[in-house]
């Protein structure tokens, strides 16, 4: 029974099972990290991460500048639209005022003209509908 549980020492050594580690210059799980090479490795990884973060920050900065420009352009456009609507409102108020003055001077006669035009329009529509 004891021979079954005994593990030979060469089976506990990973390097003999997995072979030699690849020589990439980077730290690997096969060996103990050597001091200077390990520090250089970590510094290289930090530099790579820093470059990635810097690129992302630059992208965010460009995006926020673009959003700011779009907001400014939209504010100018909305201001111009507000001015145009105010001008149109003034024109329409003047037109309605003149129309109401004209209607007041003519009495009820303009109403009869509108009723007559509606009846003529209705007659033409029903004729067209049944002739189709």
N, C-alpha and C. Protein backbone atom coordinates (compact mmCIF):
# COMPACT_ATOMS: atom_id res chain seq x y z
N UNK A 1 0.80 -1.17 0.00
CA UNK A 1 0.00 0.00 0.00
C UNK A 1 0.85 1.25 0.00
N UNK A 2 1.90 1.23 0.75
CA UNK A 2 2.76 2.41 0.85
C UNK A 2 3.47 2.68 -0.47
N UNK A 3 3.68 1.63 -1.28
CA UNK A 3 4.34 1.85 -2.57
C UNK A 3 3.42 2.58 -3.54
N UNK A 4 2.15 2.46 -3.35
CA UNK A 4 1.20 3.15 -4.21
C UNK A 4 1.19 4.64 -3.96
N UNK A 5 1.37 5.06 -2.74
CA UNK A 5 1.29 6.47 -2.38
C UNK A 5 2.62 7.18 -2.54
N UNK A 6 3.67 6.42 -2.67
CA UNK A 6 4.97 7.05 -2.81
C UNK A 6 5.11 7.62 -4.21
N UNK A 7 5.55 8.87 -4.26
CA UNK A 7 5.76 9.52 -5.55
C UNK A 7 7.26 9.67 -5.73
N UNK A 8 7.70 9.28 -6.88
CA UNK A 8 9.13 9.38 -7.13
C UNK A 8 9.52 10.84 -7.30
N UNK A 9 10.71 11.20 -6.89
CA UNK A 9 11.12 12.61 -6.93
C UNK A 9 11.18 13.19 -8.34
N UNK A 10 11.46 12.40 -9.35
CA UNK A 10 11.57 12.96 -10.69
C UNK A 10 10.20 13.34 -11.26
N UNK A 11 9.11 12.78 -10.71
CA UNK A 11 7.78 13.17 -11.16
C UNK A 11 7.33 14.51 -10.56
N UNK A 12 7.95 14.92 -9.47
CA UNK A 12 7.59 16.19 -8.85
C UNK A 12 8.29 17.37 -9.55
N UNK A 13 9.29 17.13 -10.32
CA UNK A 13 10.04 18.19 -10.98
C UNK A 13 9.34 18.54 -12.30
N UNK A 14 8.81 19.74 -12.40
CA UNK A 14 8.05 20.14 -13.59
C UNK A 14 8.93 20.28 -14.82
N UNK A 15 10.13 20.71 -14.61
CA UNK A 15 11.00 20.91 -15.78
C UNK A 15 11.29 19.59 -16.49
N UNK A 16 11.34 18.52 -15.74
CA UNK A 16 11.58 17.24 -16.41
C UNK A 16 10.31 16.77 -17.11
N UNK A 17 9.14 17.15 -16.62
CA UNK A 17 7.89 16.75 -17.27
C UNK A 17 7.57 17.62 -18.49
N UNK A 18 7.75 18.93 -18.37
CA UNK A 18 7.33 19.85 -19.43
C UNK A 18 8.43 20.23 -20.39
N UNK A 19 9.62 19.88 -20.11
CA UNK A 19 10.72 20.25 -20.99
C UNK A 19 11.31 21.59 -20.57
N UNK A 20 12.15 22.13 -21.41
CA UNK A 20 12.79 23.39 -21.07
C UNK A 20 11.86 24.54 -21.44
N UNK A 21 11.91 25.62 -20.67
CA UNK A 21 11.04 26.75 -20.98
C UNK A 21 11.48 27.46 -22.25
N UNK A 22 10.55 28.10 -22.94
CA UNK A 22 10.91 28.82 -24.17
C UNK A 22 11.77 30.02 -23.82
N UNK A 23 12.64 30.40 -24.72
CA UNK A 23 13.56 31.51 -24.45
C UNK A 23 13.02 32.78 -25.11
N UNK A 24 11.93 33.33 -24.56
CA UNK A 24 11.34 34.54 -25.13
C UNK A 24 11.85 35.79 -24.47
N UNK A 25 12.53 35.65 -23.36
CA UNK A 25 13.02 36.82 -22.66
C UNK A 25 12.00 37.35 -21.67
N UNK A 26 10.81 36.82 -21.67
CA UNK A 26 9.76 37.26 -20.75
C UNK A 26 9.66 36.27 -19.61
N UNK A 27 9.04 36.72 -18.55
CA UNK A 27 8.92 35.82 -17.41
C UNK A 27 7.99 34.67 -17.77
N UNK A 28 8.23 33.55 -17.19
CA UNK A 28 7.42 32.37 -17.51
C UNK A 28 7.19 31.59 -16.22
N UNK A 29 6.23 30.71 -16.25
CA UNK A 29 5.93 29.93 -15.05
C UNK A 29 6.93 28.81 -14.79
N UNK A 30 7.92 28.61 -15.67
CA UNK A 30 8.82 27.48 -15.52
C UNK A 30 9.99 27.73 -14.58
N UNK A 31 10.28 28.91 -14.33
CA UNK A 31 11.45 29.14 -13.51
C UNK A 31 11.24 30.30 -12.56
N UNK A 32 12.16 30.41 -11.66
CA UNK A 32 12.12 31.54 -10.73
C UNK A 32 12.53 32.79 -11.49
N UNK A 33 11.86 33.90 -11.27
CA UNK A 33 12.23 35.13 -11.97
C UNK A 33 13.56 35.65 -11.46
N UNK A 34 14.41 36.00 -12.39
CA UNK A 34 15.69 36.59 -11.98
C UNK A 34 15.42 38.07 -11.75
N UNK A 35 16.09 38.66 -10.78
CA UNK A 35 15.79 40.00 -10.31
C UNK A 35 15.73 41.08 -11.38
N UNK A 36 16.83 41.30 -12.11
CA UNK A 36 16.90 42.40 -13.07
C UNK A 36 15.97 42.15 -14.26
N UNK A 37 15.99 40.93 -14.78
CA UNK A 37 15.16 40.62 -15.94
C UNK A 37 13.67 40.73 -15.58
N UNK A 38 13.31 40.31 -14.39
CA UNK A 38 11.93 40.39 -13.92
C UNK A 38 11.49 41.84 -13.81
N UNK A 39 12.35 42.70 -13.28
CA UNK A 39 12.03 44.13 -13.14
C UNK A 39 11.87 44.77 -14.52
N UNK A 40 12.76 44.41 -15.46
CA UNK A 40 12.65 44.95 -16.82
C UNK A 40 11.36 44.48 -17.49
N UNK A 41 11.02 43.22 -17.23
CA UNK A 41 9.78 42.67 -17.77
C UNK A 41 8.57 43.44 -17.26
N UNK A 42 8.54 43.64 -15.96
CA UNK A 42 7.42 44.38 -15.37
C UNK A 42 7.37 45.81 -15.88
N UNK A 43 8.51 46.42 -16.03
CA UNK A 43 8.55 47.80 -16.53
C UNK A 43 8.07 47.85 -17.98
N UNK A 44 8.46 46.86 -18.77
CA UNK A 44 7.98 46.79 -20.16
C UNK A 44 6.47 46.63 -20.22
N UNK A 45 5.92 45.76 -19.36
CA UNK A 45 4.47 45.58 -19.32
C UNK A 45 3.78 46.87 -18.88
N UNK A 46 4.39 47.56 -17.90
CA UNK A 46 3.82 48.83 -17.45
C UNK A 46 3.84 49.86 -18.57
N UNK A 47 4.93 49.90 -19.33
CA UNK A 47 5.01 50.84 -20.45
C UNK A 47 3.94 50.55 -21.49
N UNK A 48 3.74 49.26 -21.81
CA UNK A 48 2.70 48.87 -22.77
C UNK A 48 1.32 49.29 -22.27
N UNK A 49 1.06 49.04 -20.98
CA UNK A 49 -0.24 49.43 -20.41
C UNK A 49 -0.40 50.94 -20.42
N UNK A 50 0.68 51.66 -20.13
CA UNK A 50 0.64 53.12 -20.12
C UNK A 50 0.37 53.66 -21.52
N UNK A 51 0.97 53.06 -22.53
CA UNK A 51 0.72 53.48 -23.92
C UNK A 51 -0.74 53.23 -24.29
N UNK A 52 -1.28 52.09 -23.88
CA UNK A 52 -2.68 51.79 -24.16
C UNK A 52 -3.61 52.78 -23.47
N UNK A 53 -3.33 53.07 -22.23
CA UNK A 53 -4.16 54.02 -21.48
C UNK A 53 -4.04 55.41 -22.09
N UNK A 54 -2.82 55.80 -22.49
CA UNK A 54 -2.62 57.11 -23.10
C UNK A 54 -3.42 57.23 -24.40
N UNK A 55 -3.44 56.16 -25.19
CA UNK A 55 -4.22 56.17 -26.44
C UNK A 55 -5.71 56.31 -26.14
N UNK A 56 -6.18 55.62 -25.11
CA UNK A 56 -7.59 55.70 -24.75
C UNK A 56 -7.94 57.09 -24.23
N UNK A 57 -7.05 57.69 -23.45
CA UNK A 57 -7.28 59.05 -22.94
C UNK A 57 -7.32 60.03 -24.09
N UNK A 58 -6.42 59.87 -25.07
CA UNK A 58 -6.42 60.76 -26.24
C UNK A 58 -7.72 60.61 -27.03
N UNK A 59 -8.20 59.36 -27.17
CA UNK A 59 -9.48 59.14 -27.86
C UNK A 59 -10.62 59.83 -27.12
N UNK A 60 -10.64 59.68 -25.79
CA UNK A 60 -11.69 60.33 -25.00
C UNK A 60 -11.61 61.84 -25.10
N UNK A 61 -10.40 62.38 -25.11
CA UNK A 61 -10.22 63.82 -25.24
C UNK A 61 -10.74 64.31 -26.59
N UNK A 62 -10.38 63.60 -27.66
CA UNK A 62 -10.87 63.97 -28.98
C UNK A 62 -12.38 63.88 -29.06
N UNK A 63 -12.93 62.85 -28.44
CA UNK A 63 -14.38 62.68 -28.43
C UNK A 63 -15.07 63.81 -27.68
N UNK A 64 -14.52 64.19 -26.52
CA UNK A 64 -15.14 65.26 -25.75
C UNK A 64 -15.01 66.60 -26.47
N UNK A 65 -13.89 66.84 -27.16
CA UNK A 65 -13.74 68.06 -27.96
C UNK A 65 -14.76 68.07 -29.09
N UNK A 66 -14.95 66.93 -29.74
CA UNK A 66 -15.96 66.83 -30.81
C UNK A 66 -17.36 67.09 -30.28
N UNK A 67 -17.67 66.55 -29.11
CA UNK A 67 -18.99 66.78 -28.51
C UNK A 67 -19.16 68.27 -28.19
N UNK A 68 -18.11 68.90 -27.66
CA UNK A 68 -18.18 70.33 -27.35
C UNK A 68 -18.41 71.17 -28.60
N UNK A 69 -17.71 70.83 -29.68
CA UNK A 69 -17.91 71.56 -30.95
C UNK A 69 -19.33 71.38 -31.46
N UNK A 70 -19.84 70.16 -31.37
CA UNK A 70 -21.21 69.89 -31.84
C UNK A 70 -22.23 70.67 -31.01
N UNK A 71 -22.01 70.75 -29.70
CA UNK A 71 -22.93 71.48 -28.83
C UNK A 71 -22.92 72.97 -29.19
N UNK A 72 -21.72 73.53 -29.42
CA UNK A 72 -21.64 74.95 -29.79
C UNK A 72 -22.34 75.22 -31.12
N UNK A 73 -22.11 74.35 -32.11
CA UNK A 73 -22.76 74.52 -33.41
C UNK A 73 -24.28 74.39 -33.28
N UNK A 74 -24.73 73.44 -32.47
CA UNK A 74 -26.17 73.26 -32.28
C UNK A 74 -26.79 74.47 -31.57
N UNK A 75 -26.06 75.05 -30.61
CA UNK A 75 -26.57 76.22 -29.91
C UNK A 75 -26.71 77.40 -30.87
N UNK A 76 -25.74 77.58 -31.77
CA UNK A 76 -25.83 78.65 -32.76
C UNK A 76 -27.01 78.41 -33.69
N UNK A 77 -27.17 77.18 -34.14
CA UNK A 77 -28.27 76.85 -35.04
C UNK A 77 -29.62 77.05 -34.36
N UNK A 78 -29.74 76.65 -33.10
CA UNK A 78 -31.00 76.85 -32.37
C UNK A 78 -31.29 78.34 -32.18
N UNK A 79 -30.27 79.12 -31.94
CA UNK A 79 -30.45 80.56 -31.80
C UNK A 79 -30.97 81.16 -33.11
N UNK A 80 -30.39 80.73 -34.23
CA UNK A 80 -30.85 81.22 -35.54
C UNK A 80 -32.29 80.79 -35.80
N UNK A 81 -32.63 79.55 -35.44
CA UNK A 81 -34.01 79.09 -35.62
C UNK A 81 -34.97 79.89 -34.75
N UNK A 82 -34.56 80.20 -33.53
CA UNK A 82 -35.40 80.99 -32.63
C UNK A 82 -35.66 82.37 -33.23
N UNK A 83 -34.62 83.00 -33.80
CA UNK A 83 -34.78 84.30 -34.44
C UNK A 83 -35.73 84.21 -35.64
N UNK A 84 -35.58 83.13 -36.43
CA UNK A 84 -36.45 82.96 -37.61
C UNK A 84 -37.90 82.75 -37.19
N UNK A 85 -38.12 81.95 -36.14
CA UNK A 85 -39.49 81.73 -35.67
C UNK A 85 -40.10 83.01 -35.10
N UNK A 86 -39.29 83.80 -34.41
CA UNK A 86 -39.79 85.07 -33.87
C UNK A 86 -40.19 86.01 -35.01
N UNK A 87 -39.38 86.04 -36.06
CA UNK A 87 -39.70 86.87 -37.22
C UNK A 87 -40.97 86.39 -37.91
N UNK A 88 -41.09 85.09 -38.08
CA UNK A 88 -42.28 84.51 -38.70
C UNK A 88 -43.51 84.78 -37.85
N UNK A 89 -43.37 84.70 -36.55
CA UNK A 89 -44.48 84.97 -35.65
C UNK A 89 -44.96 86.41 -35.83
N UNK A 90 -44.03 87.35 -35.94
CA UNK A 90 -44.41 88.75 -36.17
C UNK A 90 -45.15 88.93 -37.49
N UNK A 91 -44.66 88.27 -38.53
CA UNK A 91 -45.32 88.36 -39.84
C UNK A 91 -46.73 87.80 -39.78
N UNK A 92 -46.89 86.63 -39.14
CA UNK A 92 -48.22 86.00 -39.04
C UNK A 92 -49.18 86.84 -38.20
N UNK A 93 -48.68 87.43 -37.13
CA UNK A 93 -49.55 88.28 -36.31
C UNK A 93 -50.04 89.47 -37.12
N UNK A 94 -49.16 90.07 -37.92
CA UNK A 94 -49.57 91.20 -38.77
C UNK A 94 -50.59 90.76 -39.80
N UNK A 95 -50.38 89.58 -40.40
CA UNK A 95 -51.32 89.08 -41.41
C UNK A 95 -52.69 88.82 -40.80
N UNK A 96 -52.73 88.15 -39.63
CA UNK A 96 -54.02 87.88 -38.99
C UNK A 96 -54.71 89.18 -38.56
N UNK A 97 -53.94 90.15 -38.11
CA UNK A 97 -54.53 91.42 -37.71
C UNK A 97 -55.18 92.10 -38.91
N UNK A 98 -54.47 92.13 -40.07
CA UNK A 98 -55.05 92.74 -41.27
C UNK A 98 -56.27 91.95 -41.75
N UNK A 99 -56.21 90.61 -41.66
CA UNK A 99 -57.36 89.80 -42.09
C UNK A 99 -58.57 90.06 -41.19
N UNK A 100 -58.35 90.17 -39.89
CA UNK A 100 -59.46 90.46 -38.98
C UNK A 100 -60.03 91.85 -39.22
N UNK A 101 -59.16 92.82 -39.53
CA UNK A 101 -59.65 94.17 -39.87
C UNK A 101 -60.50 94.14 -41.12
N UNK A 102 -60.06 93.40 -42.13
CA UNK A 102 -60.81 93.29 -43.37
C UNK A 102 -62.16 92.61 -43.12
N UNK A 103 -62.13 91.55 -42.31
CA UNK A 103 -63.38 90.83 -42.03
C UNK A 103 -64.34 91.72 -41.24
N UNK A 104 -63.83 92.52 -40.34
CA UNK A 104 -64.69 93.40 -39.56
C UNK A 104 -65.31 94.48 -40.45
N UNK A 105 -64.55 94.99 -41.44
CA UNK A 105 -65.08 96.02 -42.34
C UNK A 105 -66.13 95.45 -43.28
N UNK A 106 -65.99 94.22 -43.70
CA UNK A 106 -66.91 93.65 -44.68
C UNK A 106 -68.12 93.02 -44.01
N UNK A 107 -68.13 92.90 -42.76
CA UNK A 107 -69.26 92.28 -42.07
C UNK A 107 -69.23 90.78 -42.24
N UNK A 108 -70.37 90.20 -42.57
CA UNK A 108 -70.51 88.74 -42.65
C UNK A 108 -70.40 88.23 -44.08
N UNK A 109 -70.18 89.12 -45.04
CA UNK A 109 -70.17 88.70 -46.44
C UNK A 109 -69.04 87.70 -46.73
N UNK A 110 -67.86 87.86 -46.14
CA UNK A 110 -66.75 86.95 -46.39
C UNK A 110 -67.07 85.54 -45.93
N UNK A 111 -67.87 85.41 -44.86
CA UNK A 111 -68.27 84.09 -44.37
C UNK A 111 -69.12 83.36 -45.41
N UNK A 112 -70.00 84.10 -46.10
CA UNK A 112 -70.84 83.48 -47.14
C UNK A 112 -70.00 83.03 -48.33
N UNK A 113 -68.95 83.79 -48.65
CA UNK A 113 -68.06 83.37 -49.72
C UNK A 113 -67.35 82.06 -49.38
N UNK A 114 -66.92 81.94 -48.16
CA UNK A 114 -66.24 80.71 -47.73
C UNK A 114 -67.20 79.52 -47.76
N UNK A 115 -68.42 79.72 -47.29
CA UNK A 115 -69.43 78.64 -47.32
C UNK A 115 -69.71 78.24 -48.76
N UNK A 116 -69.83 79.22 -49.67
CA UNK A 116 -70.06 78.92 -51.08
C UNK A 116 -68.91 78.10 -51.66
N UNK A 117 -67.67 78.48 -51.35
CA UNK A 117 -66.51 77.73 -51.87
C UNK A 117 -66.46 76.31 -51.30
N UNK A 118 -66.86 76.14 -50.07
CA UNK A 118 -66.87 74.79 -49.48
C UNK A 118 -67.93 73.93 -50.16
N UNK A 119 -69.10 74.49 -50.45
CA UNK A 119 -70.16 73.73 -51.13
C UNK A 119 -69.71 73.35 -52.54
N UNK A 120 -69.10 74.28 -53.27
CA UNK A 120 -68.61 73.97 -54.62
C UNK A 120 -67.54 72.88 -54.56
N UNK A 121 -66.63 72.98 -53.61
CA UNK A 121 -65.59 71.97 -53.46
C UNK A 121 -66.21 70.61 -53.15
N UNK A 122 -67.20 70.58 -52.27
CA UNK A 122 -67.87 69.32 -51.92
C UNK A 122 -68.57 68.73 -53.13
N UNK A 123 -69.22 69.59 -53.95
CA UNK A 123 -69.91 69.11 -55.16
C UNK A 123 -68.92 68.46 -56.12
N UNK A 124 -67.79 69.11 -56.35
CA UNK A 124 -66.78 68.53 -57.26
C UNK A 124 -66.21 67.23 -56.71
N UNK A 125 -66.00 67.16 -55.43
CA UNK A 125 -65.46 65.93 -54.84
C UNK A 125 -66.44 64.77 -54.95
N UNK A 126 -67.71 65.01 -54.66
CA UNK A 126 -68.69 63.91 -54.77
C UNK A 126 -68.87 63.49 -56.22
N UNK A 127 -68.86 64.44 -57.15
CA UNK A 127 -68.96 64.09 -58.56
C UNK A 127 -67.77 63.25 -58.99
N UNK A 128 -66.61 63.65 -58.59
CA UNK A 128 -65.40 62.88 -58.93
C UNK A 128 -65.45 61.50 -58.30
N UNK A 129 -65.92 61.41 -57.07
CA UNK A 129 -65.98 60.12 -56.35
C UNK A 129 -66.90 59.13 -57.06
N UNK A 130 -68.08 59.58 -57.49
CA UNK A 130 -69.03 58.67 -58.13
C UNK A 130 -68.68 58.37 -59.57
N UNK A 131 -67.91 59.17 -60.21
CA UNK A 131 -67.51 58.92 -61.61
C UNK A 131 -66.29 58.02 -61.71
N UNK A 132 -65.65 57.78 -60.68
CA UNK A 132 -64.45 56.96 -60.70
C UNK A 132 -64.69 55.59 -61.13
